């Protein structure tokens, strides 16, 4: 999948160093319980590879088209919220590249893929209440604050929208 500035592609084992740096960065992971280890980054890649095979989607590696540099990940994952199966758009962008609109650009492409390719009619984003930048991305792609819910072991804001 491509956007004007980005390429979103399936993760491979060759992405381990980049994913370990991304998920291990305390700034990127400040709204999560903890940064991830290298082994957890390896498991993250494997989880997404299973999703590609089983569901036809997952979180994809985000690459800057002009430079070819790894920028983060963004994509779609199945989530269960309040007993309901949902499709979530999620994103992590390297701390030094945040503020360039990459998360919004990638998330909008994922929203369009969910709607146009997968036929998804409702999309959510599960966000830590303190993560204002991520909430702004969700709003920019058309997801409005819907509720708070206990998800993934903590209180989270759920943004949602019809596609």
N, C-alpha and C. Protein backbone atom coordinates (compact mmCIF):
# COMPACT_ATOMS: atom_id res chain seq x y z
N UNK A 1 0.86 -1.16 0.00
CA UNK A 1 0.00 0.00 0.00
C UNK A 1 0.91 1.23 0.00
N UNK A 2 0.57 2.22 -0.79
CA UNK A 2 1.36 3.44 -0.83
C UNK A 2 0.48 4.65 -0.61
N UNK A 3 1.08 5.69 -0.08
CA UNK A 3 0.46 7.00 0.08
C UNK A 3 1.41 7.98 -0.60
N UNK A 4 1.08 9.26 -0.63
CA UNK A 4 2.01 10.20 -1.26
C UNK A 4 3.43 10.16 -0.70
N UNK A 5 3.57 9.91 0.61
CA UNK A 5 4.92 9.93 1.20
C UNK A 5 5.39 8.61 1.79
N UNK A 6 4.51 7.62 1.86
CA UNK A 6 4.82 6.40 2.61
C UNK A 6 4.53 5.14 1.81
N UNK A 7 5.21 4.07 2.21
CA UNK A 7 4.90 2.72 1.76
C UNK A 7 4.57 1.93 3.02
N UNK A 8 3.46 1.20 2.99
CA UNK A 8 3.10 0.28 4.06
C UNK A 8 3.23 -1.12 3.49
N UNK A 9 4.03 -1.96 4.13
CA UNK A 9 4.29 -3.30 3.63
C UNK A 9 4.31 -4.28 4.79
N UNK A 10 4.16 -5.56 4.45
CA UNK A 10 4.20 -6.58 5.49
C UNK A 10 5.56 -6.60 6.17
N UNK A 11 5.55 -6.83 7.46
CA UNK A 11 6.79 -6.98 8.23
C UNK A 11 7.41 -8.32 7.91
N UNK A 12 8.74 -8.35 7.97
CA UNK A 12 9.48 -9.60 7.83
C UNK A 12 10.49 -9.69 8.97
N UNK A 13 11.16 -10.81 9.05
CA UNK A 13 12.20 -10.97 10.06
C UNK A 13 13.31 -9.94 9.91
N UNK A 14 13.50 -9.44 8.70
CA UNK A 14 14.54 -8.42 8.46
C UNK A 14 14.21 -7.10 9.15
N UNK A 15 12.98 -6.94 9.61
CA UNK A 15 12.57 -5.71 10.30
C UNK A 15 12.83 -5.76 11.80
N UNK A 16 13.42 -6.84 12.29
CA UNK A 16 13.56 -7.01 13.74
C UNK A 16 14.33 -5.86 14.39
N UNK A 17 15.46 -5.46 13.82
CA UNK A 17 16.23 -4.37 14.45
C UNK A 17 15.40 -3.09 14.54
N UNK A 18 14.71 -2.74 13.45
CA UNK A 18 13.89 -1.53 13.45
C UNK A 18 12.71 -1.64 14.40
N UNK A 19 12.04 -2.80 14.40
CA UNK A 19 10.89 -2.97 15.30
C UNK A 19 11.33 -3.00 16.76
N UNK A 20 12.47 -3.62 17.04
CA UNK A 20 12.97 -3.66 18.42
C UNK A 20 13.31 -2.24 18.89
N UNK A 21 13.90 -1.44 18.00
CA UNK A 21 14.23 -0.05 18.37
C UNK A 21 12.94 0.75 18.59
N UNK A 22 11.95 0.57 17.72
CA UNK A 22 10.69 1.29 17.83
C UNK A 22 9.96 0.92 19.11
N UNK A 23 9.71 -0.37 19.30
CA UNK A 23 8.92 -0.82 20.45
C UNK A 23 9.70 -0.77 21.76
N UNK A 24 11.02 -0.64 21.66
CA UNK A 24 11.86 -0.52 22.85
C UNK A 24 12.12 0.92 23.26
N UNK A 25 11.66 1.88 22.46
CA UNK A 25 11.89 3.30 22.73
C UNK A 25 10.91 3.79 23.80
N UNK A 26 11.44 4.24 24.94
CA UNK A 26 10.55 4.71 26.01
C UNK A 26 9.65 5.88 25.58
N UNK A 27 10.11 6.73 24.67
CA UNK A 27 9.27 7.84 24.20
C UNK A 27 8.10 7.31 23.38
N UNK A 28 8.35 6.40 22.46
CA UNK A 28 7.29 5.83 21.62
C UNK A 28 6.28 5.07 22.48
N UNK A 29 6.78 4.38 23.49
CA UNK A 29 5.95 3.49 24.31
C UNK A 29 5.50 4.12 25.63
N UNK A 30 5.58 5.44 25.74
CA UNK A 30 5.27 6.11 27.01
C UNK A 30 3.84 5.92 27.48
N UNK A 31 2.92 5.58 26.58
CA UNK A 31 1.52 5.38 26.97
C UNK A 31 1.18 3.91 27.13
N UNK A 32 2.19 3.07 27.16
CA UNK A 32 2.03 1.62 27.36
C UNK A 32 2.63 1.27 28.71
N UNK A 33 2.28 0.11 29.26
CA UNK A 33 2.85 -0.26 30.56
C UNK A 33 4.38 -0.29 30.58
N UNK A 34 4.99 -0.70 29.46
CA UNK A 34 6.45 -0.76 29.39
C UNK A 34 6.88 -0.85 27.94
N UNK A 35 8.11 -0.43 27.69
CA UNK A 35 8.71 -0.65 26.37
C UNK A 35 8.89 -2.16 26.19
N UNK A 36 9.00 -2.59 24.95
CA UNK A 36 9.11 -4.02 24.64
C UNK A 36 10.57 -4.42 24.48
N UNK A 37 10.84 -5.67 24.79
CA UNK A 37 12.18 -6.23 24.61
C UNK A 37 12.35 -6.67 23.16
N UNK A 38 13.56 -7.04 22.80
CA UNK A 38 13.84 -7.55 21.45
C UNK A 38 13.02 -8.82 21.20
N UNK A 39 12.94 -9.70 22.18
CA UNK A 39 12.15 -10.93 22.01
C UNK A 39 10.66 -10.59 21.83
N UNK A 40 10.18 -9.58 22.54
CA UNK A 40 8.79 -9.16 22.37
C UNK A 40 8.57 -8.54 20.99
N UNK A 41 9.57 -7.83 20.48
CA UNK A 41 9.48 -7.28 19.11
C UNK A 41 9.44 -8.42 18.09
N UNK A 42 10.22 -9.46 18.33
CA UNK A 42 10.20 -10.64 17.45
C UNK A 42 8.80 -11.27 17.47
N UNK A 43 8.22 -11.39 18.66
CA UNK A 43 6.87 -11.96 18.79
C UNK A 43 5.83 -11.05 18.11
N UNK A 44 6.04 -9.73 18.18
CA UNK A 44 5.15 -8.76 17.53
C UNK A 44 5.13 -8.99 16.02
N UNK A 45 6.31 -9.16 15.44
CA UNK A 45 6.41 -9.44 14.01
C UNK A 45 5.72 -10.76 13.67
N UNK A 46 5.96 -11.78 14.47
CA UNK A 46 5.34 -13.09 14.22
C UNK A 46 3.82 -13.01 14.32
N UNK A 47 3.31 -12.26 15.32
CA UNK A 47 1.87 -12.07 15.47
C UNK A 47 1.29 -11.42 14.22
N UNK A 48 1.94 -10.40 13.73
CA UNK A 48 1.44 -9.72 12.53
C UNK A 48 1.53 -10.62 11.30
N UNK A 49 2.56 -11.42 11.20
CA UNK A 49 2.66 -12.36 10.07
C UNK A 49 1.52 -13.37 10.12
N UNK A 50 1.14 -13.82 11.31
CA UNK A 50 -0.03 -14.71 11.44
C UNK A 50 -1.30 -13.99 11.00
N UNK A 51 -1.43 -12.72 11.41
CA UNK A 51 -2.61 -11.95 11.01
C UNK A 51 -2.68 -11.81 9.48
N UNK A 52 -1.56 -11.54 8.82
CA UNK A 52 -1.56 -11.42 7.36
C UNK A 52 -2.10 -12.71 6.74
N UNK A 53 -1.60 -13.83 7.25
CA UNK A 53 -1.97 -15.14 6.70
C UNK A 53 -3.44 -15.49 6.99
N UNK A 54 -3.85 -15.24 8.24
CA UNK A 54 -5.19 -15.67 8.67
C UNK A 54 -6.29 -14.66 8.33
N UNK A 55 -5.97 -13.37 8.36
CA UNK A 55 -7.01 -12.34 8.22
C UNK A 55 -6.83 -11.45 7.00
N UNK A 56 -5.64 -11.46 6.40
CA UNK A 56 -5.38 -10.59 5.25
C UNK A 56 -5.00 -9.18 5.65
N UNK A 57 -4.73 -8.96 6.92
CA UNK A 57 -4.30 -7.65 7.40
C UNK A 57 -3.55 -7.82 8.71
N UNK A 58 -2.95 -6.75 9.16
CA UNK A 58 -2.21 -6.69 10.42
C UNK A 58 -1.60 -5.31 10.50
N UNK A 59 -0.64 -5.15 11.37
CA UNK A 59 0.15 -3.92 11.38
C UNK A 59 1.23 -4.08 10.33
N UNK A 60 1.42 -3.07 9.51
CA UNK A 60 2.42 -3.10 8.46
C UNK A 60 3.58 -2.18 8.83
N UNK A 61 4.76 -2.50 8.31
CA UNK A 61 5.91 -1.60 8.45
C UNK A 61 5.63 -0.35 7.63
N UNK A 62 5.95 0.79 8.17
CA UNK A 62 5.78 2.08 7.49
C UNK A 62 7.17 2.57 7.09
N UNK A 63 7.33 2.84 5.79
CA UNK A 63 8.61 3.27 5.24
C UNK A 63 8.41 4.59 4.51
N UNK A 64 9.33 5.53 4.71
CA UNK A 64 9.28 6.80 4.00
C UNK A 64 9.71 6.55 2.56
N UNK A 65 8.84 6.88 1.61
CA UNK A 65 9.10 6.58 0.19
C UNK A 65 10.39 7.23 -0.31
N UNK A 66 10.59 8.50 -0.01
CA UNK A 66 11.72 9.25 -0.56
C UNK A 66 13.07 8.71 -0.11
N UNK A 67 13.16 8.34 1.16
CA UNK A 67 14.46 7.93 1.72
C UNK A 67 14.59 6.42 1.90
N UNK A 68 13.45 5.71 1.96
CA UNK A 68 13.48 4.28 2.23
C UNK A 68 13.66 3.95 3.71
N UNK A 69 13.66 4.97 4.56
CA UNK A 69 13.90 4.70 5.98
C UNK A 69 12.63 4.21 6.67
N UNK A 70 12.84 3.31 7.63
CA UNK A 70 11.78 2.77 8.46
C UNK A 70 11.24 3.88 9.35
N UNK A 71 9.91 4.07 9.37
CA UNK A 71 9.31 5.14 10.17
C UNK A 71 8.49 4.60 11.34
N UNK A 72 8.00 3.36 11.23
CA UNK A 72 7.17 2.82 12.31
C UNK A 72 6.30 1.70 11.81
N UNK A 73 5.16 1.53 12.47
CA UNK A 73 4.18 0.55 12.00
C UNK A 73 2.79 1.15 12.09
N UNK A 74 1.91 0.63 11.28
CA UNK A 74 0.52 1.09 11.26
C UNK A 74 -0.30 0.01 10.58
N UNK A 75 -1.50 -0.19 11.06
CA UNK A 75 -2.34 -1.18 10.41
C UNK A 75 -3.58 -1.49 11.21
N UNK A 76 -4.11 -2.66 10.94
CA UNK A 76 -5.39 -3.10 11.47
C UNK A 76 -5.21 -4.36 12.29
N UNK A 77 -5.88 -4.42 13.43
CA UNK A 77 -5.83 -5.63 14.26
C UNK A 77 -7.22 -5.92 14.83
N UNK A 78 -7.54 -7.20 15.01
CA UNK A 78 -8.80 -7.54 15.67
C UNK A 78 -8.66 -7.29 17.17
N UNK A 79 -9.69 -6.71 17.76
CA UNK A 79 -9.71 -6.46 19.20
C UNK A 79 -11.09 -6.80 19.74
N UNK A 80 -11.14 -7.16 21.00
CA UNK A 80 -12.43 -7.41 21.66
C UNK A 80 -12.62 -6.32 22.72
N UNK A 81 -13.69 -5.56 22.58
CA UNK A 81 -13.98 -4.45 23.50
C UNK A 81 -15.40 -4.62 24.01
N UNK A 82 -15.54 -4.69 25.32
CA UNK A 82 -16.85 -4.85 25.94
C UNK A 82 -17.64 -6.01 25.33
N UNK A 83 -16.94 -7.11 25.06
CA UNK A 83 -17.59 -8.31 24.54
C UNK A 83 -17.90 -8.29 23.06
N UNK A 84 -17.43 -7.26 22.35
CA UNK A 84 -17.71 -7.12 20.92
C UNK A 84 -16.40 -7.21 20.14
N UNK A 85 -16.39 -8.01 19.06
CA UNK A 85 -15.23 -8.07 18.19
C UNK A 85 -15.20 -6.85 17.30
N UNK A 86 -14.08 -6.17 17.28
CA UNK A 86 -13.91 -4.93 16.53
C UNK A 86 -12.63 -5.02 15.69
N UNK A 87 -12.49 -4.08 14.74
CA UNK A 87 -11.24 -3.91 14.01
C UNK A 87 -10.68 -2.56 14.43
N UNK A 88 -9.43 -2.59 14.89
CA UNK A 88 -8.76 -1.38 15.37
C UNK A 88 -7.70 -0.94 14.38
N UNK A 89 -7.56 0.37 14.21
CA UNK A 89 -6.41 0.94 13.51
C UNK A 89 -5.43 1.37 14.60
N UNK A 90 -4.17 0.97 14.42
CA UNK A 90 -3.14 1.32 15.39
C UNK A 90 -1.91 1.83 14.68
N UNK A 91 -1.08 2.57 15.41
CA UNK A 91 0.09 3.19 14.79
C UNK A 91 1.14 3.51 15.84
N UNK A 92 2.39 3.33 15.45
CA UNK A 92 3.55 3.76 16.23
C UNK A 92 4.52 4.40 15.23
N UNK A 93 4.95 5.61 15.48
CA UNK A 93 5.91 6.28 14.61
C UNK A 93 7.14 6.62 15.45
N UNK A 94 8.32 6.43 14.86
CA UNK A 94 9.56 6.75 15.57
C UNK A 94 9.49 8.14 16.19
N UNK A 95 10.02 8.28 17.39
CA UNK A 95 9.94 9.55 18.12
C UNK A 95 10.52 10.70 17.31
N UNK A 96 11.63 10.47 16.62
CA UNK A 96 12.27 11.55 15.87
C UNK A 96 11.52 11.92 14.59
N UNK A 97 10.52 11.13 14.20
CA UNK A 97 9.72 11.42 13.01
C UNK A 97 8.30 11.85 13.35
N UNK A 98 7.95 11.88 14.62
CA UNK A 98 6.61 12.31 15.02
C UNK A 98 6.44 13.79 14.71
N UNK A 99 5.21 14.19 14.44
CA UNK A 99 4.92 15.58 14.13
C UNK A 99 4.98 15.90 12.64
N UNK A 100 5.24 14.89 11.80
CA UNK A 100 5.30 15.09 10.35
C UNK A 100 4.03 14.65 9.64
N UNK A 101 3.04 14.19 10.39
CA UNK A 101 1.80 13.74 9.78
C UNK A 101 1.84 12.31 9.26
N UNK A 102 2.91 11.57 9.55
CA UNK A 102 3.02 10.20 9.05
C UNK A 102 1.96 9.28 9.64
N UNK A 103 1.68 9.42 10.94
CA UNK A 103 0.67 8.56 11.56
C UNK A 103 -0.69 8.80 10.92
N UNK A 104 -1.05 10.05 10.70
CA UNK A 104 -2.34 10.37 10.09
C UNK A 104 -2.41 9.83 8.67
N UNK A 105 -1.35 10.03 7.89
CA UNK A 105 -1.32 9.57 6.50
C UNK A 105 -1.43 8.05 6.42
N UNK A 106 -0.68 7.36 7.27
CA UNK A 106 -0.71 5.90 7.27
C UNK A 106 -2.05 5.38 7.78
N UNK A 107 -2.57 5.99 8.85
CA UNK A 107 -3.84 5.54 9.43
C UNK A 107 -5.00 5.77 8.45
N UNK A 108 -4.97 6.86 7.71
CA UNK A 108 -6.02 7.12 6.71
C UNK A 108 -5.96 6.06 5.60
N UNK A 109 -4.76 5.66 5.20
CA UNK A 109 -4.63 4.61 4.19
C UNK A 109 -5.18 3.29 4.72
N UNK A 110 -4.93 3.00 5.98
CA UNK A 110 -5.44 1.77 6.60
C UNK A 110 -6.96 1.81 6.72
N UNK A 111 -7.49 2.97 7.08
CA UNK A 111 -8.95 3.14 7.13
C UNK A 111 -9.57 2.85 5.77
N UNK A 112 -8.97 3.40 4.73
CA UNK A 112 -9.49 3.20 3.37
C UNK A 112 -9.38 1.73 2.96
N UNK A 113 -8.28 1.08 3.31
CA UNK A 113 -8.10 -0.34 3.02
C UNK A 113 -9.17 -1.16 3.74
N UNK A 114 -9.41 -0.84 5.02
CA UNK A 114 -10.44 -1.55 5.79
C UNK A 114 -11.80 -1.44 5.11
N UNK A 115 -12.14 -0.24 4.67
CA UNK A 115 -13.44 0.01 4.04
C UNK A 115 -13.50 -0.58 2.64
N UNK A 116 -12.52 -0.27 1.79
CA UNK A 116 -12.60 -0.57 0.36
C UNK A 116 -12.20 -1.99 0.00
N UNK A 117 -11.27 -2.57 0.74
CA UNK A 117 -10.78 -3.91 0.42
C UNK A 117 -11.41 -4.97 1.31
N UNK A 118 -11.49 -4.68 2.60
CA UNK A 118 -12.00 -5.68 3.55
C UNK A 118 -13.50 -5.58 3.78
N UNK A 119 -14.12 -4.47 3.40
CA UNK A 119 -15.55 -4.30 3.62
C UNK A 119 -15.92 -4.02 5.06
N UNK A 120 -14.96 -3.54 5.85
CA UNK A 120 -15.22 -3.20 7.25
C UNK A 120 -16.14 -1.98 7.28
N UNK A 121 -17.15 -2.02 8.13
CA UNK A 121 -18.11 -0.93 8.21
C UNK A 121 -17.94 -0.06 9.45
N UNK A 122 -17.10 -0.51 10.40
CA UNK A 122 -16.86 0.24 11.63
C UNK A 122 -15.41 0.03 12.02
N UNK A 123 -14.75 1.12 12.38
CA UNK A 123 -13.34 1.08 12.76
C UNK A 123 -13.18 1.77 14.10
N UNK A 124 -12.28 1.24 14.93
CA UNK A 124 -12.02 1.86 16.23
C UNK A 124 -10.54 2.14 16.40
N UNK A 125 -10.23 2.95 17.39
CA UNK A 125 -8.87 3.15 17.88
C UNK A 125 -8.95 3.13 19.39
N UNK A 126 -8.10 2.33 20.02
CA UNK A 126 -8.06 2.19 21.47
C UNK A 126 -6.85 2.98 21.94
N UNK A 127 -7.07 4.02 22.76
CA UNK A 127 -6.00 4.97 23.06
C UNK A 127 -5.96 5.28 24.55
N UNK A 128 -4.76 5.36 25.09
CA UNK A 128 -4.57 5.79 26.46
C UNK A 128 -5.17 7.19 26.61
N UNK A 129 -5.91 7.45 27.69
CA UNK A 129 -6.55 8.77 27.85
C UNK A 129 -5.57 9.94 27.84
N UNK A 130 -4.33 9.72 28.23
CA UNK A 130 -3.33 10.80 28.26
C UNK A 130 -2.66 11.03 26.90
N UNK A 131 -2.91 10.15 25.94
CA UNK A 131 -2.23 10.23 24.65
C UNK A 131 -2.99 11.14 23.68
N UNK A 132 -2.87 12.45 23.91
CA UNK A 132 -3.57 13.43 23.08
C UNK A 132 -3.14 13.38 21.61
N UNK A 133 -1.84 13.21 21.30
CA UNK A 133 -1.47 13.15 19.88
C UNK A 133 -2.15 12.00 19.13
N UNK A 134 -2.23 10.84 19.74
CA UNK A 134 -2.87 9.71 19.10
C UNK A 134 -4.37 9.94 18.94
N UNK A 135 -4.97 10.58 19.94
CA UNK A 135 -6.40 10.90 19.82
C UNK A 135 -6.64 11.89 18.68
N UNK A 136 -5.72 12.84 18.47
CA UNK A 136 -5.87 13.78 17.35
C UNK A 136 -5.80 13.04 16.01
N UNK A 137 -4.91 12.06 15.90
CA UNK A 137 -4.83 11.26 14.67
C UNK A 137 -6.17 10.56 14.42
N UNK A 138 -6.71 9.94 15.45
CA UNK A 138 -7.99 9.23 15.31
C UNK A 138 -9.09 10.18 14.80
N UNK A 139 -9.16 11.37 15.38
CA UNK A 139 -10.17 12.34 14.96
C UNK A 139 -9.93 12.78 13.51
N UNK A 140 -8.68 13.00 13.15
CA UNK A 140 -8.37 13.43 11.78
C UNK A 140 -8.80 12.42 10.73
N UNK A 141 -8.82 11.13 11.09
CA UNK A 141 -9.24 10.12 10.11
C UNK A 141 -10.72 9.77 10.26
N UNK A 142 -11.45 10.55 11.07
CA UNK A 142 -12.90 10.39 11.14
C UNK A 142 -13.42 9.55 12.28
N UNK A 143 -12.60 9.25 13.27
CA UNK A 143 -13.05 8.48 14.42
C UNK A 143 -13.29 9.43 15.58
N UNK A 144 -14.48 9.37 16.14
CA UNK A 144 -14.84 10.25 17.25
C UNK A 144 -14.80 9.49 18.57
N UNK A 145 -14.51 10.23 19.63
CA UNK A 145 -14.51 9.62 20.98
C UNK A 145 -15.89 9.02 21.24
N UNK A 146 -15.91 7.73 21.55
CA UNK A 146 -17.18 7.04 21.77
C UNK A 146 -17.41 6.70 23.24
N UNK A 147 -16.35 6.20 23.92
CA UNK A 147 -16.52 5.75 25.29
C UNK A 147 -15.17 5.47 25.91
N UNK A 148 -15.20 5.18 27.20
CA UNK A 148 -14.03 4.63 27.86
C UNK A 148 -14.34 3.17 28.16
N UNK A 149 -13.31 2.36 28.15
CA UNK A 149 -13.48 0.93 28.41
C UNK A 149 -12.19 0.39 29.00
N UNK A 150 -12.31 -0.69 29.73
CA UNK A 150 -11.13 -1.39 30.23
C UNK A 150 -10.70 -2.35 29.13
N UNK A 151 -9.54 -2.06 28.54
CA UNK A 151 -9.02 -2.84 27.43
C UNK A 151 -7.53 -3.05 27.68
N UNK A 152 -7.07 -4.26 27.39
CA UNK A 152 -5.64 -4.57 27.53
C UNK A 152 -5.12 -4.20 28.92
N UNK A 153 -5.95 -4.43 29.93
CA UNK A 153 -5.53 -4.25 31.30
C UNK A 153 -5.58 -2.84 31.84
N UNK A 154 -6.16 -1.91 31.10
CA UNK A 154 -6.23 -0.54 31.60
C UNK A 154 -7.41 0.23 31.03
N UNK A 155 -7.66 1.37 31.63
CA UNK A 155 -8.72 2.25 31.16
C UNK A 155 -8.26 2.93 29.88
N UNK A 156 -9.04 2.83 28.83
CA UNK A 156 -8.68 3.40 27.53
C UNK A 156 -9.87 4.17 26.95
N UNK A 157 -9.56 5.12 26.09
CA UNK A 157 -10.57 5.83 25.32
C UNK A 157 -10.74 5.09 24.01
N UNK A 158 -11.97 4.83 23.65
CA UNK A 158 -12.27 4.18 22.37
C UNK A 158 -12.85 5.22 21.43
N UNK A 159 -12.13 5.47 20.34
CA UNK A 159 -12.65 6.31 19.26
C UNK A 159 -13.23 5.36 18.22
N UNK A 160 -14.31 5.75 17.57
CA UNK A 160 -14.96 4.86 16.60
C UNK A 160 -15.60 5.68 15.50
N UNK A 161 -15.78 5.01 14.37
CA UNK A 161 -16.47 5.66 13.26
C UNK A 161 -17.00 4.65 12.28
N UNK A 162 -18.11 5.00 11.64
CA UNK A 162 -18.65 4.19 10.57
C UNK A 162 -17.86 4.49 9.31
N UNK A 163 -17.62 3.44 8.53
CA UNK A 163 -16.86 3.63 7.28
C UNK A 163 -17.78 3.60 6.09
